[in-house]
Amino acid sequence: MQRLGVAGFAILTAPFGDQVARATAYQPADRPLPAVVIDHPVQMVGEDVLRQRARQIADAVQRLLKGESP
């Protein structure tokens, strides 16, 4: 997808934040796949916590679109 100019990124929770680098270590790419790491957990939480996780993702995506680190 990156070669076609389609931006992509992974969303992971904190315990799994290092998995993108491991999973893509042997795949050639012109740039590393950005990883958005949010707090854990994301399931079986209240609506307020879910909104907080969504805000973390939205903020990280805004940084990515500006060319900054997520």
PDB file of N, CA and C in Angstrom:
ATOM      1  N   MET A   1       0.808  -1.181   0.000  1.00  0.00           N
ATOM      2  CA  MET A   1       0.000   0.000   0.000  1.00  0.00           C
ATOM      3  C   MET A   1       0.862   1.259   0.000  1.00  0.00           C
ATOM      4  N   GLN A   2       1.967   1.219   0.731  1.00  0.00           N
ATOM      5  CA  GLN A   2       2.832   2.397   0.763  1.00  0.00           C
ATOM      6  C   GLN A   2       3.369   2.716  -0.623  1.00  0.00           C
ATOM      7  N   ARG A   3       3.684   1.684  -1.377  1.00  0.00           N
ATOM      8  CA  ARG A   3       4.213   1.914  -2.729  1.00  0.00           C
ATOM      9  C   ARG A   3       3.182   2.573  -3.634  1.00  0.00           C
ATOM     10  N   LEU A   4       1.905   2.374  -3.322  1.00  0.00           N
ATOM     11  CA  LEU A   4       0.834   2.985  -4.100  1.00  0.00           C
ATOM     12  C   LEU A   4       0.471   4.369  -3.583  1.00  0.00           C
ATOM     13  N   GLY A   5       1.181   4.828  -2.557  1.00  0.00           N
ATOM     14  CA  GLY A   5       0.919   6.147  -2.006  1.00  0.00           C
ATOM     15  C   GLY A   5      -0.200   6.187  -0.990  1.00  0.00           C
ATOM     16  N   VAL A   6      -0.614   5.017  -0.516  1.00  0.00           N
ATOM     17  CA  VAL A   6      -1.673   4.950   0.481  1.00  0.00           C
ATOM     18  C   VAL A   6      -1.032   4.910   1.862  1.00  0.00           C
ATOM     19  N   ALA A   7      -1.351   5.903   2.674  1.00  0.00           N
ATOM     20  CA  ALA A   7      -0.794   5.939   4.021  1.00  0.00           C
ATOM     21  C   ALA A   7      -1.435   4.861   4.878  1.00  0.00           C
ATOM     22  N   GLY A   8      -0.654   4.270   5.718  1.00  0.00           N
ATOM     23  CA  GLY A   8      -1.161   3.264   6.629  1.00  0.00           C
ATOM     24  C   GLY A   8      -0.443   3.349   7.953  1.00  0.00           C
ATOM     25  N   PHE A   9      -1.078   2.851   8.986  1.00  0.00           N
ATOM     26  CA  PHE A   9      -0.451   2.797  10.294  1.00  0.00           C
ATOM     27  C   PHE A   9      -1.141   1.716  11.105  1.00  0.00           C
ATOM     28  N   ALA A  10      -0.456   1.233  12.104  1.00  0.00           N
ATOM     29  CA  ALA A  10      -1.008   0.210  12.983  1.00  0.00           C
ATOM     30  C   ALA A  10      -1.453   0.861  14.283  1.00  0.00           C
ATOM     31  N   ILE A  11      -2.517   0.336  14.862  1.00  0.00           N
ATOM     32  CA  ILE A  11      -2.980   0.785  16.168  1.00  0.00           C
ATOM     33  C   ILE A  11      -2.857  -0.399  17.120  1.00  0.00           C
ATOM     34  N   LEU A  12      -2.086  -0.203  18.183  1.00  0.00           N
ATOM     35  CA  LEU A  12      -1.868  -1.261  19.159  1.00  0.00           C
ATOM     36  C   LEU A  12      -2.019  -0.708  20.564  1.00  0.00           C
ATOM     37  N   THR A  13      -2.282  -1.590  21.520  1.00  0.00           N
ATOM     38  CA  THR A  13      -2.284  -1.147  22.905  1.00  0.00           C
ATOM     39  C   THR A  13      -0.888  -1.344  23.488  1.00  0.00           C
ATOM     40  N   ALA A  14      -0.622  -0.668  24.584  1.00  0.00           N
ATOM     41  CA  ALA A  14       0.720  -0.593  25.163  1.00  0.00           C
ATOM     42  C   ALA A  14       1.446  -1.942  25.298  1.00  0.00           C
ATOM     43  N   PRO A  15       0.809  -3.006  25.766  1.00  0.00           N
ATOM     44  CA  PRO A  15       1.550  -4.261  25.900  1.00  0.00           C
ATOM     45  C   PRO A  15       2.070  -4.827  24.570  1.00  0.00           C
ATOM     46  N   PHE A  16       1.517  -4.367  23.459  1.00  0.00           N
ATOM     47  CA  PHE A  16       1.880  -4.910  22.151  1.00  0.00           C
ATOM     48  C   PHE A  16       2.581  -3.886  21.261  1.00  0.00           C
ATOM     49  N   GLY A  17       2.991  -2.775  21.824  1.00  0.00           N
ATOM     50  CA  GLY A  17       3.550  -1.664  21.064  1.00  0.00           C
ATOM     51  C   GLY A  17       4.775  -1.982  20.239  1.00  0.00           C
ATOM     52  N   ASP A  18       5.562  -2.971  20.649  1.00  0.00           N
ATOM     53  CA  ASP A  18       6.785  -3.292  19.912  1.00  0.00           C
ATOM     54  C   ASP A  18       6.570  -4.336  18.820  1.00  0.00           C
ATOM     55  N   GLN A  19       5.371  -4.807  18.643  1.00  0.00           N
ATOM     56  CA  GLN A  19       5.120  -5.897  17.701  1.00  0.00           C
ATOM     57  C   GLN A  19       5.196  -5.488  16.234  1.00  0.00           C
ATOM     58  N   VAL A  20       4.960  -4.231  15.910  1.00  0.00           N
ATOM     59  CA  VAL A  20       5.023  -3.803  14.508  1.00  0.00           C
ATOM     60  C   VAL A  20       6.438  -3.963  13.976  1.00  0.00           C
ATOM     61  N   ALA A  21       7.408  -3.526  14.737  1.00  0.00           N
ATOM     62  CA  ALA A  21       8.800  -3.653  14.298  1.00  0.00           C
ATOM     63  C   ALA A  21       9.175  -5.119  14.098  1.00  0.00           C
ATOM     64  N   ARG A  22       8.731  -5.975  14.981  1.00  0.00           N
ATOM     65  CA  ARG A  22       9.029  -7.402  14.858  1.00  0.00           C
ATOM     66  C   ARG A  22       8.333  -8.006  13.645  1.00  0.00           C
ATOM     67  N   ALA A  23       7.085  -7.631  13.424  1.00  0.00           N
ATOM     68  CA  ALA A  23       6.297  -8.210  12.334  1.00  0.00           C
ATOM     69  C   ALA A  23       6.779  -7.754  10.962  1.00  0.00           C
ATOM     70  N   THR A  24       7.331  -6.565  10.873  1.00  0.00           N
ATOM     71  CA  THR A  24       7.752  -6.030   9.577  1.00  0.00           C
ATOM     72  C   THR A  24       9.265  -6.062   9.379  1.00  0.00           C
ATOM     73  N   ALA A  25       9.976  -6.714  10.270  1.00  0.00           N
ATOM     74  CA  ALA A  25      11.444  -6.729  10.204  1.00  0.00           C
ATOM     75  C   ALA A  25      11.968  -7.307   8.890  1.00  0.00           C
ATOM     76  N   TYR A  26      11.260  -8.254   8.314  1.00  0.00           N
ATOM     77  CA  TYR A  26      11.746  -8.918   7.105  1.00  0.00           C
ATOM     78  C   TYR A  26      10.982  -8.516   5.849  1.00  0.00           C
ATOM     79  N   GLN A  27      10.181  -7.477   5.947  1.00  0.00           N
ATOM     80  CA  GLN A  27       9.432  -7.012   4.784  1.00  0.00           C
ATOM     81  C   GLN A  27      10.041  -5.712   4.285  1.00  0.00           C
ATOM     82  N   PRO A  28      10.453  -5.680   3.023  1.00  0.00           N
ATOM     83  CA  PRO A  28      11.045  -4.446   2.506  1.00  0.00           C
ATOM     84  C   PRO A  28      10.001  -3.331   2.423  1.00  0.00           C
ATOM     85  N   ALA A  29      10.410  -2.145   2.824  1.00  0.00           N
ATOM     86  CA  ALA A  29       9.530  -0.978   2.739  1.00  0.00           C
ATOM     87  C   ALA A  29      10.398   0.262   2.588  1.00  0.00           C
ATOM     88  N   ASP A  30       9.856   1.265   1.925  1.00  0.00           N
ATOM     89  CA  ASP A  30      10.615   2.494   1.754  1.00  0.00           C
ATOM     90  C   ASP A  30      10.656   3.307   3.042  1.00  0.00           C
ATOM     91  N   ARG A  31       9.744   3.020   3.966  1.00  0.00           N
ATOM     92  CA  ARG A  31       9.743   3.677   5.275  1.00  0.00           C
ATOM     93  C   ARG A  31       9.048   2.751   6.271  1.00  0.00           C
ATOM     94  N   PRO A  32       9.381   2.892   7.542  1.00  0.00           N
ATOM     95  CA  PRO A  32       8.746   2.015   8.532  1.00  0.00           C
ATOM     96  C   PRO A  32       7.261   2.320   8.695  1.00  0.00           C
ATOM     97  N   LEU A  33       6.507   1.305   9.046  1.00  0.00           N
ATOM     98  CA  LEU A  33       5.080   1.463   9.287  1.00  0.00           C
ATOM     99  C   LEU A  33       4.893   2.138  10.643  1.00  0.00           C
ATOM    100  N   PRO A  34       4.264   3.306  10.679  1.00  0.00           N
ATOM    101  CA  PRO A  34       4.058   3.972  11.966  1.00  0.00           C
ATOM    102  C   PRO A  34       3.106   3.172  12.853  1.00  0.00           C
ATOM    103  N   ALA A  35       3.364   3.213  14.142  1.00  0.00           N
ATOM    104  CA  ALA A  35       2.507   2.531  15.105  1.00  0.00           C
ATOM    105  C   ALA A  35       1.938   3.545  16.086  1.00  0.00           C
ATOM    106  N   VAL A  36       0.635   3.546  16.210  1.00  0.00           N
ATOM    107  CA  VAL A  36      -0.047   4.356  17.211  1.00  0.00           C
ATOM    108  C   VAL A  36      -0.278   3.435  18.403  1.00  0.00           C
ATOM    109  N   VAL A  37       0.331   3.765  19.524  1.00  0.00           N
ATOM    110  CA  VAL A  37       0.209   2.937  20.721  1.00  0.00           C
ATOM    111  C   VAL A  37      -0.671   3.671  21.729  1.00  0.00           C
ATOM    112  N   ILE A  38      -1.761   3.014  22.103  1.00  0.00           N
ATOM    113  CA  ILE A  38      -2.706   3.615  23.046  1.00  0.00           C
ATOM    114  C   ILE A  38      -2.731   2.797  24.337  1.00  0.00           C
ATOM    115  N   ASP A  39      -3.397   3.343  25.337  1.00  0.00           N
ATOM    116  CA  ASP A  39      -3.507   2.651  26.618  1.00  0.00           C
ATOM    117  C   ASP A  39      -4.296   1.353  26.471  1.00  0.00           C
ATOM    118  N   HIS A  40      -4.049   0.443  27.383  1.00  0.00           N
ATOM    119  CA  HIS A  40      -4.687  -0.867  27.411  1.00  0.00           C
ATOM    120  C   HIS A  40      -5.619  -0.897  28.607  1.00  0.00           C
ATOM    121  N   PRO A  41      -6.741  -1.520  28.562  1.00  0.00           N
ATOM    122  CA  PRO A  41      -7.388  -2.265  27.495  1.00  0.00           C
ATOM    123  C   PRO A  41      -8.319  -1.379  26.674  1.00  0.00           C
ATOM    124  N   VAL A  42      -8.900  -1.988  25.638  1.00  0.00           N
ATOM    125  CA  VAL A  42      -9.882  -1.279  24.815  1.00  0.00           C
ATOM    126  C   VAL A  42     -11.223  -2.008  24.779  1.00  0.00           C
ATOM    127  N   GLN A  43     -11.286  -3.142  25.398  1.00  0.00           N
ATOM    128  CA  GLN A  43     -12.558  -3.864  25.437  1.00  0.00           C
ATOM    129  C   GLN A  43     -13.047  -3.973  26.874  1.00  0.00           C
ATOM    130  N   MET A  44     -14.347  -4.102  27.002  1.00  0.00           N
ATOM    131  CA  MET A  44     -14.982  -4.225  28.310  1.00  0.00           C
ATOM    132  C   MET A  44     -14.628  -3.045  29.216  1.00  0.00           C
ATOM    133  N   VAL A  45     -14.656  -1.841  28.630  1.00  0.00           N
ATOM    134  CA  VAL A  45     -14.409  -0.614  29.386  1.00  0.00           C
ATOM    135  C   VAL A  45     -15.634   0.290  29.242  1.00  0.00           C
ATOM    136  N   GLY A  46     -15.738   1.247  30.112  1.00  0.00           N
ATOM    137  CA  GLY A  46     -16.855   2.179  30.046  1.00  0.00           C
ATOM    138  C   GLY A  46     -16.728   3.129  28.867  1.00  0.00           C
ATOM    139  N   GLU A  47     -17.818   3.801  28.581  1.00  0.00           N
ATOM    140  CA  GLU A  47     -17.839   4.729  27.451  1.00  0.00           C
ATOM    141  C   GLU A  47     -16.822   5.849  27.620  1.00  0.00           C
ATOM    142  N   ASP A  48     -16.608   6.318  28.846  1.00  0.00           N
ATOM    143  CA  ASP A  48     -15.640   7.387  29.076  1.00  0.00           C
ATOM    144  C   ASP A  48     -14.222   6.943  28.739  1.00  0.00           C
ATOM    145  N   VAL A  49     -13.877   5.705  29.089  1.00  0.00           N
ATOM    146  CA  VAL A  49     -12.551   5.174  28.764  1.00  0.00           C
ATOM    147  C   VAL A  49     -12.422   4.969  27.264  1.00  0.00           C
ATOM    148  N   LEU A  50     -13.468   4.471  26.640  1.00  0.00           N
ATOM    149  CA  LEU A  50     -13.446   4.262  25.196  1.00  0.00           C
ATOM    150  C   LEU A  50     -13.259   5.583  24.453  1.00  0.00           C
ATOM    151  N   ARG A  51     -13.913   6.624  24.925  1.00  0.00           N
ATOM    152  CA  ARG A  51     -13.734   7.954  24.315  1.00  0.00           C
ATOM    153  C   ARG A  51     -12.298   8.450  24.499  1.00  0.00           C
ATOM    154  N   GLN A  52     -11.704   8.156  25.645  1.00  0.00           N
ATOM    155  CA  GLN A  52     -10.312   8.540  25.887  1.00  0.00           C
ATOM    156  C   GLN A  52      -9.384   7.831  24.899  1.00  0.00           C
ATOM    157  N   ARG A  53      -9.621   6.542  24.670  1.00  0.00           N
ATOM    158  CA  ARG A  53      -8.796   5.796  23.713  1.00  0.00           C
ATOM    159  C   ARG A  53      -8.979   6.373  22.308  1.00  0.00           C
ATOM    160  N   ALA A  54     -10.207   6.716  21.949  1.00  0.00           N
ATOM    161  CA  ALA A  54     -10.474   7.303  20.631  1.00  0.00           C
ATOM    162  C   ALA A  54      -9.749   8.636  20.486  1.00  0.00           C
ATOM    163  N   ARG A  55      -9.709   9.425  21.538  1.00  0.00           N
ATOM    164  CA  ARG A  55      -9.002  10.707  21.511  1.00  0.00           C
ATOM    165  C   ARG A  55      -7.504  10.475  21.322  1.00  0.00           C
ATOM    166  N   GLN A  56      -6.954   9.444  21.966  1.00  0.00           N
ATOM    167  CA  GLN A  56      -5.538   9.117  21.789  1.00  0.00           C
ATOM    168  C   GLN A  56      -5.252   8.810  20.320  1.00  0.00           C
ATOM    169  N   ILE A  57      -6.128   8.040  19.696  1.00  0.00           N
ATOM    170  CA  ILE A  57      -5.940   7.690  18.289  1.00  0.00           C
ATOM    171  C   ILE A  57      -6.050   8.932  17.412  1.00  0.00           C
ATOM    172  N   ALA A  58      -7.068   9.742  17.637  1.00  0.00           N
ATOM    173  CA  ALA A  58      -7.265  10.950  16.822  1.00  0.00           C
ATOM    174  C   ALA A  58      -6.076  11.899  16.944  1.00  0.00           C
ATOM    175  N   ASP A  59      -5.571  12.087  18.156  1.00  0.00           N
ATOM    176  CA  ASP A  59      -4.412  12.965  18.350  1.00  0.00           C
ATOM    177  C   ASP A  59      -3.180  12.426  17.626  1.00  0.00           C
ATOM    178  N   ALA A  60      -2.967  11.114  17.709  1.00  0.00           N
ATOM    179  CA  ALA A  60      -1.815  10.506  17.049  1.00  0.00           C
ATOM    180  C   ALA A  60      -1.931  10.617  15.531  1.00  0.00           C
ATOM    181  N   VAL A  61      -3.124  10.432  14.995  1.00  0.00           N
ATOM    182  CA  VAL A  61      -3.330  10.548  13.547  1.00  0.00           C
ATOM    183  C   VAL A  61      -3.067  11.978  13.088  1.00  0.00           C
ATOM    184  N   GLN A  62      -3.491  12.950  13.857  1.00  0.00           N
ATOM    185  CA  GLN A  62      -3.204  14.345  13.509  1.00  0.00           C
ATOM    186  C   GLN A  62      -1.702  14.588  13.453  1.00  0.00           C
ATOM    187  N   ARG A  63      -0.968  14.029  14.409  1.00  0.00           N
ATOM    188  CA  ARG A  63       0.495  14.185  14.391  1.00  0.00           C
ATOM    189  C   ARG A  63       1.093  13.512  13.154  1.00  0.00           C
ATOM    190  N   LEU A  64       0.607  12.315  12.822  1.00  0.00           N
ATOM    191  CA  LEU A  64       1.109  11.615  11.638  1.00  0.00           C
ATOM    192  C   LEU A  64       0.864  12.427  10.373  1.00  0.00           C
ATOM    193  N   LEU A  65      -0.304  13.022  10.258  1.00  0.00           N
ATOM    194  CA  LEU A  65      -0.633  13.811   9.071  1.00  0.00           C
ATOM    195  C   LEU A  65       0.230  15.062   8.953  1.00  0.00           C
ATOM    196  N   LYS A  66       0.776  15.517  10.065  1.00  0.00           N
ATOM    197  CA  LYS A  66       1.683  16.668  10.060  1.00  0.00           C
ATOM    198  C   LYS A  66       3.134  16.245   9.847  1.00  0.00           C
ATOM    199  N   GLY A  67       3.353  14.932   9.701  1.00  0.00           N
ATOM    200  CA  GLY A  67       4.706  14.425   9.506  1.00  0.00           C
ATOM    201  C   GLY A  67       5.468  14.242  10.803  1.00  0.00           C
ATOM    202  N   GLU A  68       4.757  14.262  11.914  1.00  0.00           N
ATOM    203  CA  GLU A  68       5.379  14.105  13.225  1.00  0.00           C
ATOM    204  C   GLU A  68       5.272  12.656  13.686  1.00  0.00           C
ATOM    205  N   SER A  69       5.981  12.346  14.740  1.00  0.00           N
ATOM    206  CA  SER A  69       5.911  11.019  15.333  1.00  0.00           C
ATOM    207  C   SER A  69       4.580  10.865  16.060  1.00  0.00           C
ATOM    208  N   PRO A  70       3.959   9.681  15.946  1.00  0.00           N
ATOM    209  CA  PRO A  70       2.655   9.507  16.595  1.00  0.00           C
ATOM    210  C   PRO A  70       2.777   9.563  18.099  1.00  0.00           C
TER     211      PRO A  70
END
